[in-house]
Amino acid sequence: MTSTAPASQRISPLALPALLIAVFLVPLSIAGIATVLPDIARDLGADTVPLQWVVNGFNASFAAFTLVWGVVSDHIGYKRTFVIGVVGSIASLVFCAAAPDLLALDVARILAGAFGAAVLTCTPAIIAGAFDGATRARGFALFGTTIGLGLAVGPTISGALSTLFGWRGVFVAIAALITVSLAMIATVPDLRHRREAGAKVIDLSLLRNTRFISIILMPVLQTFGFVTLLTYLPSALSAVYGLSSGQLAIVMIALSGPVLIGPIIGVQLERRFPFLSVYGIFYGATALMLLGNAGMLLLAAFPPVWVLFLPMLLLGLSFGLPLGLIDRAALESVPAVSSGSASGLLQFARLGSEAVIVGGYALLISTLVAAQISNPTLAQQVSAGFAGYADDYLPAFVTGQIIIMSAVAVSVAVVALLHRAALRAEARCSFRGGSLGAPVGW
């Protein structure tokens, strides 16, 4: 048997802000850095693979280390692991700002991803252990909103900072932000679980929990339908419209802005219509996601950029609606003693899918562009979003959109099948007088 060790101290009202400030850096590091890729390319070179790894290296490292930190935090404590992540993130961000070439920047970003994983993995476990009832629900809603805020303002902040101080200023600003979290770290409760001798290091039963698996697959679908465009739509808009970093930052608000209000709307919908649960809201959001991706095909017709705002708004809302519900639903479907491991698996699914899917999307675009252009240097510039090459970039973009919509359709079918299996299992358990936890709803 294992048991939860209750917090011995009263939870400070500053504890949640301390956590969320650090969480904010993760989406900011993804969405914001993607916006300034053209500036980095002009400064350090446009070699396709190293340039893509400025984004993909962070994602891949983050995904790999979520599993490590999840298991580690269950054993050494969530706060201690969180502090390691914060301190390591500050150091790696300073390294990013000082990088003399793409290789050094890639290494620094890989380190930033590894330490950022500790921050994002431990935060949901701390919220789940430190709060309960409505306070816990509000904590997870704010967690989702913070991620949405990072995505919403990341491109704008990064574009503005890059215009004023260059792309290196973006990394300095993120490092300064997370330093504020470090200064408030004493307010975060030191929560951990007591484990008896002989307890398994890794709780493999999580992989047999159908409800948990169905929930952690939701971010995978969102990566297909939203994160790929969040990362590389700036390159497409730069290629088609010749927009500067500052202009891109403003236009991208249409895509990222709804992510800020989406989690709040999603939580309110669940509260008003409890039968929906995370699943009903997720299915509705997926329908919006398919509509938004179909609308982005309008880019091939060279419309005024404002024509794209409606599908961009739909995409942002579709991503944001379930964002404040997924982490809470996932952790509530597993034993409390495995909160860290469960959070690690969830973040692995979230960022692991981004590493693979976003990287695969980038490879697809560069491969399709290279198939049309015999000059390797020119092909790299087109793939990076250099202005004036819309005719060369758009065929690859359209193909990518068709693949995205197909992947979203397949993914939602898989989630629905697992959801149905979980409902059947719970019904059987209820008939026999057992319990598998709270009902998952529609």
Protein backbone atom coordinates (compact mmCIF):
# COMPACT_ATOMS: atom_id res chain seq x y z
CA MET A 1 0.00 0.00 0.00
CA THR A 2 0.97 3.59 -0.54
CA SER A 3 -0.54 6.67 1.00
CA THR A 4 -0.62 10.35 0.33
CA ALA A 5 1.32 12.55 2.70
CA PRO A 6 -0.79 15.63 3.40
CA ALA A 7 0.73 19.09 3.27
CA SER A 8 1.78 20.17 6.72
CA GLN A 9 1.61 23.87 6.03
CA ARG A 10 -1.19 26.21 5.00
CA ILE A 11 -1.09 26.80 1.26
CA SER A 12 0.08 30.34 0.47
CA PRO A 13 -2.05 32.34 -1.99
CA LEU A 14 1.21 33.00 -3.86
CA ALA A 15 1.87 29.29 -4.46
CA LEU A 16 -0.28 29.01 -7.57
CA PRO A 17 1.12 32.20 -9.19
CA ALA A 18 4.65 30.91 -8.52
CA LEU A 19 3.82 27.71 -10.39
CA LEU A 20 1.95 29.36 -13.25
CA ILE A 21 4.63 31.96 -13.96
CA ALA A 22 7.08 29.11 -14.61
CA VAL A 23 4.51 27.18 -16.65
CA PHE A 24 4.04 30.27 -18.83
CA LEU A 25 7.56 29.89 -20.21
CA VAL A 26 6.85 26.56 -21.93
CA PRO A 27 4.26 27.68 -24.52
CA LEU A 28 6.11 30.99 -24.77
CA SER A 29 9.27 29.06 -25.67
CA ILE A 30 7.42 27.20 -28.41
CA ALA A 31 5.09 29.77 -29.96
CA GLY A 32 7.38 32.74 -29.43
CA ILE A 33 10.57 31.21 -30.80
CA ALA A 34 8.76 29.90 -33.88
CA THR A 35 7.81 33.48 -34.72
CA VAL A 36 11.43 34.68 -34.81
CA LEU A 37 12.80 31.76 -36.84
CA PRO A 38 13.16 33.98 -39.95
CA ASP A 39 15.25 36.45 -37.88
CA ILE A 40 17.41 33.63 -36.53
CA ALA A 41 17.86 32.32 -40.08
CA ARG A 42 19.06 35.70 -41.32
CA ASP A 43 21.53 35.99 -38.43
CA LEU A 44 22.87 32.44 -37.99
CA GLY A 45 22.02 30.87 -41.37
CA ALA A 46 19.06 29.19 -43.07
CA ASP A 47 20.38 25.62 -43.09
CA THR A 48 17.04 23.76 -42.88
CA VAL A 49 17.77 20.97 -40.39
CA PRO A 50 19.64 23.01 -37.73
CA LEU A 51 17.08 25.81 -38.06
CA GLN A 52 14.15 23.44 -37.57
CA TRP A 53 15.86 21.99 -34.51
CA VAL A 54 15.65 25.34 -32.77
CA VAL A 55 11.98 24.36 -32.35
CA ASN A 56 12.10 20.58 -32.74
CA GLY A 57 15.09 20.12 -30.40
CA PHE A 58 13.18 21.75 -27.56
CA ASN A 59 10.10 19.61 -28.24
CA ALA A 60 12.02 16.33 -28.54
CA SER A 61 14.03 16.90 -25.37
CA PHE A 62 10.95 18.03 -23.47
CA ALA A 63 9.02 14.94 -24.51
CA ALA A 64 11.79 12.53 -23.53
CA PHE A 65 12.32 14.06 -20.11
CA THR A 66 8.65 14.26 -19.09
CA LEU A 67 8.74 10.52 -18.42
CA VAL A 68 11.99 10.83 -16.46
CA TRP A 69 10.80 13.73 -14.30
CA GLY A 70 7.41 12.10 -13.76
CA VAL A 71 8.98 9.03 -12.14
CA VAL A 72 11.65 11.06 -10.32
CA SER A 73 9.09 13.46 -8.83
CA ASP A 74 7.02 10.59 -7.41
CA HIS A 75 10.14 9.59 -5.43
CA ILE A 76 11.99 12.79 -4.47
CA GLY A 77 9.00 15.13 -4.29
CA TYR A 78 7.25 17.45 -6.73
CA LYS A 79 8.62 20.74 -5.37
CA ARG A 80 12.24 19.57 -5.43
CA THR A 81 11.87 18.43 -9.04
CA PHE A 82 10.13 21.71 -9.91
CA VAL A 83 13.05 23.73 -8.48
CA ILE A 84 15.55 21.70 -10.52
CA GLY A 85 13.53 22.54 -13.62
CA VAL A 86 13.36 26.25 -12.85
CA VAL A 87 17.08 26.67 -12.12
CA GLY A 88 18.10 24.59 -15.14
CA SER A 89 15.74 26.55 -17.39
CA ILE A 90 17.28 29.87 -16.39
CA ALA A 91 20.80 28.62 -17.16
CA SER A 92 19.85 27.11 -20.53
CA LEU A 93 17.96 30.25 -21.60
CA VAL A 94 21.05 32.36 -20.92
CA PHE A 95 22.99 29.88 -23.06
CA CYS A 96 20.40 30.36 -25.84
CA ALA A 97 20.80 34.13 -25.74
CA ALA A 98 24.60 33.84 -26.05
CA ALA A 99 24.68 31.15 -28.78
CA PRO A 100 27.19 32.07 -31.52
CA ASP A 101 25.79 29.69 -34.16
CA LEU A 102 22.89 27.36 -34.93
CA LEU A 103 24.59 24.30 -33.43
CA ALA A 104 25.13 26.02 -30.08
CA LEU A 105 21.57 27.34 -30.14
CA ASP A 106 20.23 23.84 -30.84
CA VAL A 107 22.18 22.41 -27.88
CA ALA A 108 20.90 25.18 -25.62
CA ARG A 109 17.33 24.59 -26.75
CA ILE A 110 17.66 20.85 -26.06
CA LEU A 111 18.75 21.67 -22.50
CA ALA A 112 15.89 24.16 -22.14
CA GLY A 113 13.43 21.47 -23.20
CA ALA A 114 14.82 18.98 -20.68
CA PHE A 115 14.48 21.37 -17.74
CA GLY A 116 11.17 22.81 -18.96
CA ALA A 117 9.79 19.27 -18.81
CA ALA A 118 10.36 19.21 -15.04
CA VAL A 119 8.34 22.40 -14.64
CA LEU A 120 5.33 21.32 -16.68
CA THR A 121 5.31 17.75 -15.35
CA CYS A 122 5.33 18.69 -11.66
CA THR A 123 2.87 21.58 -11.75
CA PRO A 124 -0.31 19.50 -12.34
CA ALA A 125 0.79 17.02 -9.66
CA ILE A 126 1.32 19.87 -7.16
CA ILE A 127 -2.09 21.38 -8.00
CA ALA A 128 -3.77 17.98 -7.64
CA GLY A 129 -2.10 17.34 -4.27
CA ALA A 130 -2.33 20.81 -2.73
CA PHE A 131 -5.94 21.65 -3.58
CA ASP A 132 -9.28 19.87 -3.72
CA GLY A 133 -12.85 20.48 -4.81
CA ALA A 134 -13.65 23.75 -6.54
CA THR A 135 -10.21 25.15 -5.69
CA ARG A 136 -8.54 22.31 -7.57
CA ALA A 137 -10.84 22.79 -10.56
CA ARG A 138 -10.01 26.50 -10.57
CA GLY A 139 -6.30 25.69 -10.33
CA PHE A 140 -6.43 23.43 -13.36
CA ALA A 141 -8.52 25.99 -15.25
CA LEU A 142 -5.85 28.61 -14.55
CA PHE A 143 -3.18 26.09 -15.57
CA GLY A 144 -4.88 25.69 -18.96
CA THR A 145 -5.44 29.42 -19.25
CA THR A 146 -1.75 30.05 -18.55
CA ILE A 147 -0.77 27.72 -21.36
CA GLY A 148 -3.27 29.55 -23.56
CA LEU A 149 -1.84 32.90 -22.50
CA GLY A 150 1.66 31.77 -23.43
CA LEU A 151 0.44 30.68 -26.84
CA ALA A 152 -1.64 33.83 -27.29
CA VAL A 153 0.95 36.45 -26.40
CA GLY A 154 4.07 34.43 -27.24
CA PRO A 155 4.22 35.44 -30.91
CA THR A 156 3.34 39.06 -30.10
CA ILE A 157 5.88 39.39 -27.28
CA SER A 158 8.59 37.63 -29.25
CA GLY A 159 7.95 39.68 -32.38
CA ALA A 160 8.06 42.94 -30.42
CA LEU A 161 11.19 41.98 -28.49
CA SER A 162 12.89 40.77 -31.65
CA THR A 163 12.09 44.05 -33.40
CA LEU A 164 13.43 46.11 -30.47
CA PHE A 165 16.36 44.01 -29.24
CA GLY A 166 16.87 41.19 -31.75
CA TRP A 167 15.94 37.54 -31.32
CA ARG A 168 18.41 37.11 -28.44
CA GLY A 169 16.30 39.49 -26.38
CA VAL A 170 13.45 36.97 -26.49
CA PHE A 171 15.50 34.40 -24.55
CA VAL A 172 16.65 37.02 -22.04
CA ALA A 173 13.02 38.00 -21.37
CA ILE A 174 11.93 34.39 -20.79
CA ALA A 175 14.85 33.85 -18.40
CA ALA A 176 13.89 37.00 -16.47
CA LEU A 177 10.30 35.80 -16.22
CA ILE A 178 11.12 32.41 -14.76
CA THR A 179 13.49 34.09 -12.28
CA VAL A 180 10.39 35.69 -10.73
CA SER A 181 9.00 32.19 -10.15
CA LEU A 182 12.26 31.17 -8.47
CA ALA A 183 12.02 34.15 -6.13
CA MET A 184 8.56 32.95 -5.00
CA ILE A 185 9.49 29.27 -4.67
CA ALA A 186 9.23 29.25 -0.85
CA THR A 187 5.44 29.61 -1.16
CA VAL A 188 5.07 26.30 -3.05
CA PRO A 189 4.14 23.38 -0.74
CA ASP A 190 6.53 20.44 -0.51
CA LEU A 191 4.22 17.55 -1.41
CA ARG A 192 5.17 13.95 -1.95
CA HIS A 193 3.73 10.49 -1.46
CA ARG A 194 4.92 7.86 1.00
CA ARG A 195 5.81 4.63 -0.76
CA GLU A 196 6.26 1.34 1.05
CA ALA A 197 9.28 -0.87 0.44
CA GLY A 198 8.77 -3.04 -2.61
CA ALA A 199 6.53 -0.55 -4.42
CA LYS A 200 7.12 -0.48 -8.16
CA VAL A 201 9.36 2.29 -9.49
CA ILE A 202 7.05 2.79 -12.48
CA ASP A 203 3.29 2.18 -12.26
CA LEU A 204 2.67 0.27 -15.49
CA SER A 205 -1.00 -0.14 -14.61
CA LEU A 206 -1.48 3.37 -16.01
CA LEU A 207 -1.03 1.92 -19.49
CA ARG A 208 -3.96 -0.46 -18.86
CA ASN A 209 -6.28 2.35 -17.77
CA THR A 210 -8.49 2.88 -20.84
CA ARG A 211 -9.95 6.14 -19.61
CA PHE A 212 -6.51 7.59 -18.85
CA ILE A 213 -5.14 6.54 -22.25
CA SER A 214 -8.12 8.04 -24.09
CA ILE A 215 -7.57 11.36 -22.30
CA ILE A 216 -3.83 11.60 -22.93
CA LEU A 217 -4.45 11.00 -26.65
CA MET A 218 -6.47 14.22 -26.84
CA PRO A 219 -3.36 16.46 -26.96
CA VAL A 220 -2.00 14.29 -29.79
CA LEU A 221 -5.00 15.21 -31.93
CA GLN A 222 -4.57 18.85 -30.96
CA THR A 223 -0.97 18.72 -32.13
CA PHE A 224 -2.07 17.57 -35.58
CA GLY A 225 -4.85 20.13 -35.89
CA PHE A 226 -3.39 23.20 -34.20
CA VAL A 227 0.22 23.10 -33.01
CA THR A 228 1.64 22.40 -36.48
CA LEU A 229 0.05 25.58 -37.80
CA LEU A 230 0.92 27.53 -34.68
CA THR A 231 4.56 26.64 -35.31
CA TYR A 232 4.85 27.02 -39.07
CA LEU A 233 2.00 29.29 -40.19
CA PRO A 234 4.31 32.31 -39.66
CA SER A 235 6.62 30.85 -42.32
CA ALA A 236 3.69 30.38 -44.70
CA LEU A 237 2.41 33.92 -44.13
CA SER A 238 5.91 35.30 -44.57
CA ALA A 239 6.29 33.45 -47.88
CA VAL A 240 2.89 34.53 -49.23
CA TYR A 241 2.52 38.07 -47.88
CA GLY A 242 6.12 39.06 -47.06
CA LEU A 243 5.19 40.03 -43.50
CA SER A 244 7.86 41.15 -41.03
CA SER A 245 8.25 39.60 -37.58
CA GLY A 246 6.25 42.43 -36.03
CA GLN A 247 3.44 42.09 -38.58
CA LEU A 248 3.40 38.31 -38.15
CA ALA A 249 3.06 38.75 -34.40
CA ILE A 250 -0.07 40.86 -34.88
CA VAL A 251 -1.67 38.52 -37.45
CA MET A 252 -0.96 35.45 -35.31
CA ILE A 253 -3.13 36.89 -32.51
CA ALA A 254 -6.12 35.66 -34.55
CA LEU A 255 -4.81 32.10 -34.12
CA SER A 256 -3.40 32.25 -30.61
CA GLY A 257 -5.74 34.79 -28.98
CA PRO A 258 -8.76 32.46 -28.62
CA VAL A 259 -6.52 29.98 -26.78
CA LEU A 260 -6.49 32.47 -23.91
CA ILE A 261 -10.26 32.49 -23.37
CA GLY A 262 -10.94 28.92 -24.54
CA PRO A 263 -10.03 27.18 -21.24
CA ILE A 264 -12.30 29.52 -19.27
CA ILE A 265 -15.21 28.84 -21.65
CA GLY A 266 -14.54 25.09 -21.51
CA VAL A 267 -14.60 24.99 -17.70
CA GLN A 268 -17.81 27.05 -17.62
CA LEU A 269 -19.45 24.70 -20.13
CA GLU A 270 -18.52 21.69 -18.00
CA ARG A 271 -19.88 23.38 -14.89
CA ARG A 272 -23.17 24.35 -16.57
CA PHE A 273 -23.60 21.04 -18.44
CA PRO A 274 -21.94 18.33 -16.30
CA PHE A 275 -23.06 15.55 -18.64
CA LEU A 276 -20.65 16.85 -21.27
CA SER A 277 -17.45 16.20 -19.30
CA VAL A 278 -14.07 16.57 -20.96
CA TYR A 279 -15.17 14.22 -23.75
CA GLY A 280 -18.19 16.16 -24.97
CA ILE A 281 -16.25 19.41 -25.01
CA PHE A 282 -13.36 17.70 -26.79
CA TYR A 283 -15.62 16.29 -29.53
CA GLY A 284 -17.20 19.70 -30.12
CA ALA A 285 -13.77 21.34 -30.22
CA THR A 286 -12.59 18.77 -32.76
CA ALA A 287 -15.45 19.71 -35.10
CA LEU A 288 -14.33 23.35 -34.89
CA MET A 289 -10.76 22.23 -35.56
CA LEU A 290 -11.73 20.46 -38.78
CA LEU A 291 -13.67 23.52 -39.97
CA GLY A 292 -10.74 25.80 -39.19
CA ASN A 293 -8.21 23.65 -41.02
CA ALA A 294 -10.49 23.44 -44.05
CA GLY A 295 -10.77 27.23 -44.01
CA MET A 296 -6.99 27.61 -44.03
CA LEU A 297 -6.98 26.15 -47.56
CA LEU A 298 -8.14 29.62 -48.63
CA LEU A 299 -4.50 30.69 -48.37
CA ALA A 300 -3.91 29.01 -51.74
CA ALA A 301 -6.19 31.61 -53.38
CA PHE A 302 -3.97 34.55 -52.24
CA PRO A 303 -6.82 36.31 -50.38
CA PRO A 304 -6.34 39.44 -48.27
CA VAL A 305 -4.83 38.25 -45.00
CA TRP A 306 -7.94 39.24 -43.01
CA VAL A 307 -9.94 36.54 -44.84
CA LEU A 308 -7.94 33.95 -42.88
CA PHE A 309 -8.92 35.41 -39.50
CA LEU A 310 -12.15 33.39 -39.14
CA PRO A 311 -10.57 29.94 -39.65
CA MET A 312 -7.67 31.04 -37.43
CA LEU A 313 -10.13 32.04 -34.69
CA LEU A 314 -11.91 28.67 -34.98
CA LEU A 315 -8.59 26.83 -34.68
CA GLY A 316 -7.53 28.78 -31.61
CA LEU A 317 -10.88 28.22 -29.88
CA SER A 318 -10.85 24.51 -30.74
CA PHE A 319 -7.48 24.13 -29.04
CA GLY A 320 -8.37 26.20 -25.99
CA LEU A 321 -11.79 24.76 -25.06
CA PRO A 322 -10.57 21.46 -23.52
CA LEU A 323 -7.20 22.84 -22.38
CA GLY A 324 -8.28 23.51 -18.79
CA LEU A 325 -9.94 20.10 -18.44
CA ILE A 326 -7.53 17.54 -19.87
CA ASP A 327 -4.87 17.55 -17.12
CA ARG A 328 -7.42 17.42 -14.29
CA ALA A 329 -9.41 14.62 -15.95
CA ALA A 330 -6.23 12.61 -16.55
CA LEU A 331 -4.94 12.88 -12.96
CA GLU A 332 -8.38 12.19 -11.46
CA SER A 333 -8.52 8.91 -13.40
CA VAL A 334 -5.41 7.46 -11.65
CA PRO A 335 -4.31 6.78 -8.03
CA ALA A 336 -2.92 9.87 -6.29
CA VAL A 337 0.39 8.11 -5.57
CA SER A 338 1.03 7.94 -9.32
CA SER A 339 0.24 11.62 -10.02
CA GLY A 340 3.79 12.43 -11.11
CA SER A 341 4.08 9.44 -13.44
CA ALA A 342 0.61 10.13 -14.87
CA SER A 343 1.47 13.79 -15.44
CA GLY A 344 4.73 12.71 -17.07
CA LEU A 345 2.90 10.39 -19.45
CA LEU A 346 0.41 13.13 -20.29
CA GLN A 347 3.12 15.68 -21.00
CA PHE A 348 5.04 13.04 -22.97
CA ALA A 349 1.97 12.49 -25.14
CA ARG A 350 1.52 16.25 -25.48
CA LEU A 351 5.10 17.26 -26.27
CA GLY A 352 6.21 13.91 -27.68
CA SER A 353 3.53 14.20 -30.31
CA GLU A 354 4.68 17.75 -31.00
CA ALA A 355 8.28 16.61 -31.46
CA VAL A 356 7.25 13.90 -33.92
CA ILE A 357 4.31 15.56 -35.65
CA VAL A 358 5.66 19.11 -35.90
CA GLY A 359 9.04 17.72 -36.97
CA GLY A 360 7.32 15.50 -39.53
CA TYR A 361 5.34 18.46 -40.84
CA ALA A 362 8.51 20.51 -41.24
CA LEU A 363 10.17 17.61 -43.06
CA LEU A 364 7.13 17.25 -45.32
CA ILE A 365 7.15 20.93 -46.28
CA SER A 366 10.90 21.03 -46.93
CA THR A 367 10.76 17.77 -48.94
CA LEU A 368 7.87 18.95 -51.12
CA VAL A 369 9.54 22.32 -51.70
CA ALA A 370 12.88 20.68 -52.55
CA ALA A 371 11.09 18.46 -55.08
CA GLN A 372 10.12 21.60 -57.02
CA ILE A 373 13.38 23.57 -56.67
CA SER A 374 16.70 22.14 -57.82
CA ASN A 375 18.82 24.76 -56.04
CA PRO A 376 19.30 23.46 -52.43
CA THR A 377 20.07 26.91 -51.02
CA LEU A 378 16.97 28.44 -52.58
CA ALA A 379 14.85 25.49 -51.41
CA GLN A 380 16.04 26.06 -47.84
CA GLN A 381 15.12 29.74 -48.05
CA VAL A 382 11.65 28.96 -49.41
CA SER A 383 11.02 26.38 -46.66
CA ALA A 384 12.14 28.93 -44.04
CA GLY A 385 9.46 31.36 -45.26
CA PHE A 386 11.56 33.89 -47.16
CA ALA A 387 9.27 36.37 -48.90
CA GLY A 388 8.52 36.28 -52.61
CA TYR A 389 8.19 32.51 -53.14
CA ALA A 390 4.46 31.94 -52.61
CA ASP A 391 4.04 29.84 -55.78
CA ASP A 392 6.75 27.47 -54.55
CA TYR A 393 5.51 27.27 -50.95
CA LEU A 394 1.73 26.97 -51.36
CA PRO A 395 1.49 23.50 -53.03
CA ALA A 396 3.36 22.04 -50.06
CA PHE A 397 1.10 23.93 -47.64
CA VAL A 398 -2.09 22.62 -49.27
CA THR A 399 -0.80 19.03 -49.16
CA GLY A 400 0.07 19.52 -45.50
CA GLN A 401 -3.45 20.75 -44.71
CA ILE A 402 -5.06 17.72 -46.33
CA ILE A 403 -2.83 15.41 -44.29
CA ILE A 404 -3.61 17.35 -41.10
CA MET A 405 -7.38 17.03 -41.57
CA SER A 406 -7.08 13.30 -42.29
CA ALA A 407 -4.98 12.78 -39.16
CA VAL A 408 -7.47 14.70 -36.99
CA ALA A 409 -10.35 12.56 -38.28
CA VAL A 410 -8.51 9.31 -37.55
CA SER A 411 -7.38 10.50 -34.11
CA VAL A 412 -10.86 11.50 -32.92
CA ALA A 413 -12.15 8.09 -34.02
CA VAL A 414 -9.51 6.37 -31.86
CA VAL A 415 -10.36 8.54 -28.83
CA ALA A 416 -14.07 7.79 -29.31
CA LEU A 417 -13.43 4.03 -29.44
CA LEU A 418 -11.37 4.14 -26.23
CA HIS A 419 -14.00 6.35 -24.58
CA ARG A 420 -16.68 3.80 -25.44
CA ALA A 421 -14.52 0.97 -24.07
CA ALA A 422 -14.03 2.90 -20.80
CA LEU A 423 -17.78 3.42 -20.44
CA ARG A 424 -18.44 -0.29 -21.00
CA ALA A 425 -15.79 -1.25 -18.43
CA GLU A 426 -17.26 1.14 -15.86
CA ALA A 427 -20.76 -0.18 -16.52
CA ARG A 428 -19.59 -3.77 -15.94
CA CYS A 429 -17.76 -2.75 -12.76
CA SER A 430 -20.83 -0.89 -11.48
CA PHE A 431 -23.04 -3.93 -12.22
CA ARG A 432 -20.68 -6.11 -10.17
CA GLY A 433 -20.66 -3.63 -7.30
CA GLY A 434 -17.10 -2.33 -7.86
CA SER A 435 -15.79 1.09 -8.75
CA LEU A 436 -13.48 2.44 -11.39
CA GLY A 437 -13.67 6.04 -10.30
CA ALA A 438 -15.87 8.91 -11.30
CA PRO A 439 -18.05 8.49 -14.40
CA VAL A 440 -16.54 10.00 -17.48
CA GLY A 441 -19.78 11.47 -18.84
CA TRP A 442 -20.83 11.83 -22.45
